[in-house]
């Protein structure tokens, strides 16, 4: 009978220790998860900032290229009109 009581007490103690260990692991796991989430959010912010910067640069480059093309086209049209006027004056 005493042996059974000792075994029961040891079993209850082992279950109690296992329960406390499980709780400690859950707390540690939750802390690790929160650190990971924080790290991922900071990385996400950095990536979003870089993408925004890259997009802004691409847009600025595209606008500059469009303005250059428009300026070149205007210059070519002006040159063609001047030549056309000169040719008309020769004919008249």
C-alpha atoms as a PDB file:
ATOM      1  CA  UNK A   1       0.000   0.000   0.000  1.00  0.00           C
ATOM      2  CA  UNK A   2       2.813   2.404   0.881  1.00  0.00           C
ATOM      3  CA  UNK A   3       4.458   1.627  -2.425  1.00  0.00           C
ATOM      4  CA  UNK A   4       1.300   2.573  -4.285  1.00  0.00           C
ATOM      5  CA  UNK A   5       1.062   5.892  -2.421  1.00  0.00           C
ATOM      6  CA  UNK A   6       4.693   6.674  -3.189  1.00  0.00           C
ATOM      7  CA  UNK A   7       4.171   5.830  -6.849  1.00  0.00           C
ATOM      8  CA  UNK A   8       1.034   7.995  -6.922  1.00  0.00           C
ATOM      9  CA  UNK A   9       2.834  10.946  -5.273  1.00  0.00           C
ATOM     10  CA  UNK A  10       5.770  10.606  -7.673  1.00  0.00           C
ATOM     11  CA  UNK A  11       3.358  10.431 -10.629  1.00  0.00           C
ATOM     12  CA  UNK A  12       1.485  13.545  -9.451  1.00  0.00           C
ATOM     13  CA  UNK A  13       4.791  15.367  -8.920  1.00  0.00           C
ATOM     14  CA  UNK A  14       5.979  14.362 -12.391  1.00  0.00           C
ATOM     15  CA  UNK A  15       2.693  15.537 -13.908  1.00  0.00           C
ATOM     16  CA  UNK A  16       2.995  18.843 -12.016  1.00  0.00           C
ATOM     17  CA  UNK A  17       6.580  19.359 -13.203  1.00  0.00           C
ATOM     18  CA  UNK A  18       5.605  18.490 -16.765  1.00  0.00           C
ATOM     19  CA  UNK A  19       2.703  20.954 -16.610  1.00  0.00           C
ATOM     20  CA  UNK A  20       4.931  23.763 -15.331  1.00  0.00           C
ATOM     21  CA  UNK A  21       7.562  22.968 -17.956  1.00  0.00           C
ATOM     22  CA  UNK A  22       4.888  23.077 -20.669  1.00  0.00           C
ATOM     23  CA  UNK A  23       3.672  26.468 -19.433  1.00  0.00           C
ATOM     24  CA  UNK A  24       7.237  27.815 -19.415  1.00  0.00           C
ATOM     25  CA  UNK A  25       7.757  26.555 -22.953  1.00  0.00           C
ATOM     26  CA  UNK A  26       4.514  28.199 -24.080  1.00  0.00           C
ATOM     27  CA  UNK A  27       5.611  31.526 -22.617  1.00  0.00           C
ATOM     28  CA  UNK A  28       9.044  31.246 -24.239  1.00  0.00           C
ATOM     29  CA  UNK A  29       7.475  30.237 -27.536  1.00  0.00           C
ATOM     30  CA  UNK A  30       5.083  33.209 -27.440  1.00  0.00           C
ATOM     31  CA  UNK A  31       7.999  35.567 -26.762  1.00  0.00           C
ATOM     32  CA  UNK A  32       9.929  34.091 -29.692  1.00  0.00           C
ATOM     33  CA  UNK A  33       6.903  34.434 -31.951  1.00  0.00           C
ATOM     34  CA  UNK A  34       6.465  38.083 -30.946  1.00  0.00           C
ATOM     35  CA  UNK A  35      10.158  38.781 -31.652  1.00  0.00           C
ATOM     36  CA  UNK A  36       9.807  37.123 -35.048  1.00  0.00           C
ATOM     37  CA  UNK A  37       6.691  39.138 -35.861  1.00  0.00           C
ATOM     38  CA  UNK A  38       8.457  42.362 -34.877  1.00  0.00           C
ATOM     39  CA  UNK A  39      11.470  41.456 -37.000  1.00  0.00           C
ATOM     40  CA  UNK A  40       9.301  40.607 -39.996  1.00  0.00           C
ATOM     41  CA  UNK A  41       7.373  43.867 -39.677  1.00  0.00           C
ATOM     42  CA  UNK A  42      10.579  45.889 -39.604  1.00  0.00           C
ATOM     43  CA  UNK A  43      11.874  44.012 -42.649  1.00  0.00           C
ATOM     44  CA  UNK A  44       8.551  44.606 -44.397  1.00  0.00           C
ATOM     45  CA  UNK A  45       8.803  48.334 -43.670  1.00  0.00           C
ATOM     46  CA  UNK A  46      12.331  48.442 -45.069  1.00  0.00           C
ATOM     47  CA  UNK A  47      11.304  46.570 -48.214  1.00  0.00           C
ATOM     48  CA  UNK A  48       8.261  48.819 -48.720  1.00  0.00           C
ATOM     49  CA  UNK A  49      10.439  51.915 -48.339  1.00  0.00           C
ATOM     50  CA  UNK A  50      12.920  50.583 -50.897  1.00  0.00           C
ATOM     51  CA  UNK A  51      10.134  49.713 -53.335  1.00  0.00           C
ATOM     52  CA  UNK A  52       8.622  53.178 -52.913  1.00  0.00           C
ATOM     53  CA  UNK A  53      11.988  54.759 -53.600  1.00  0.00           C
ATOM     54  CA  UNK A  54      12.544  52.584 -56.661  1.00  0.00           C
ATOM     55  CA  UNK A  55       9.066  53.354 -58.017  1.00  0.00           C
ATOM     56  CA  UNK A  56       9.568  57.083 -57.484  1.00  0.00           C
ATOM     57  CA  UNK A  57      12.887  56.908 -59.355  1.00  0.00           C
ATOM     58  CA  UNK A  58      11.337  54.982 -62.254  1.00  0.00           C
ATOM     59  CA  UNK A  59       8.490  57.501 -62.482  1.00  0.00           C
ATOM     60  CA  UNK A  60      10.927  60.432 -62.414  1.00  0.00           C
ATOM     61  CA  UNK A  61      13.089  58.800 -65.102  1.00  0.00           C
ATOM     62  CA  UNK A  62      10.025  58.115 -67.269  1.00  0.00           C
ATOM     63  CA  UNK A  63       8.841  61.732 -66.944  1.00  0.00           C
ATOM     64  CA  UNK A  64      12.297  63.033 -67.840  1.00  0.00           C
ATOM     65  CA  UNK A  65      12.462  60.724 -70.867  1.00  0.00           C
ATOM     66  CA  UNK A  66       8.967  61.794 -71.973  1.00  0.00           C
ATOM     67  CA  UNK A  67       9.908  65.469 -71.689  1.00  0.00           C
ATOM     68  CA  UNK A  68      13.094  64.840 -73.699  1.00  0.00           C
ATOM     69  CA  UNK A  69      11.150  63.035 -76.407  1.00  0.00           C
ATOM     70  CA  UNK A  70       8.577  65.817 -76.490  1.00  0.00           C
ATOM     71  CA  UNK A  71      11.295  68.494 -76.729  1.00  0.00           C
ATOM     72  CA  UNK A  72      13.055  66.583 -79.498  1.00  0.00           C
ATOM     73  CA  UNK A  73       9.783  66.132 -81.385  1.00  0.00           C
ATOM     74  CA  UNK A  74       8.975  69.841 -81.108  1.00  0.00           C
ATOM     75  CA  UNK A  75      12.444  70.703 -82.392  1.00  0.00           C
ATOM     76  CA  UNK A  76      12.041  68.343 -85.358  1.00  0.00           C
ATOM     77  CA  UNK A  77       8.587  69.755 -86.167  1.00  0.00           C
ATOM     78  CA  UNK A  78       9.932  73.309 -85.974  1.00  0.00           C
ATOM     79  CA  UNK A  79      12.826  72.361 -88.232  1.00  0.00           C
ATOM     80  CA  UNK A  80      10.470  70.675 -90.714  1.00  0.00           C
ATOM     81  CA  UNK A  81       8.134  73.695 -90.720  1.00  0.00           C
ATOM     82  CA  UNK A  82      11.050  76.069 -91.310  1.00  0.00           C
ATOM     83  CA  UNK A  83      12.230  73.931 -94.214  1.00  0.00           C
ATOM     84  CA  UNK A  84       8.707  73.788 -95.612  1.00  0.00           C
ATOM     85  CA  UNK A  85       8.357  77.566 -95.380  1.00  0.00           C
ATOM     86  CA  UNK A  86      11.717  78.004 -97.101  1.00  0.00           C
ATOM     87  CA  UNK A  87      10.648  75.637 -99.888  1.00  0.00           C
ATOM     88  CA  UNK A  88       7.333  77.498-100.321  1.00  0.00           C
ATOM     89  CA  UNK A  89       9.172  80.828-100.509  1.00  0.00           C
ATOM     90  CA  UNK A  90      11.479  79.405-103.197  1.00  0.00           C
ATOM     91  CA  UNK A  91       8.482  78.327-105.235  1.00  0.00           C
ATOM     92  CA  UNK A  92       6.691  81.641-104.867  1.00  0.00           C
END
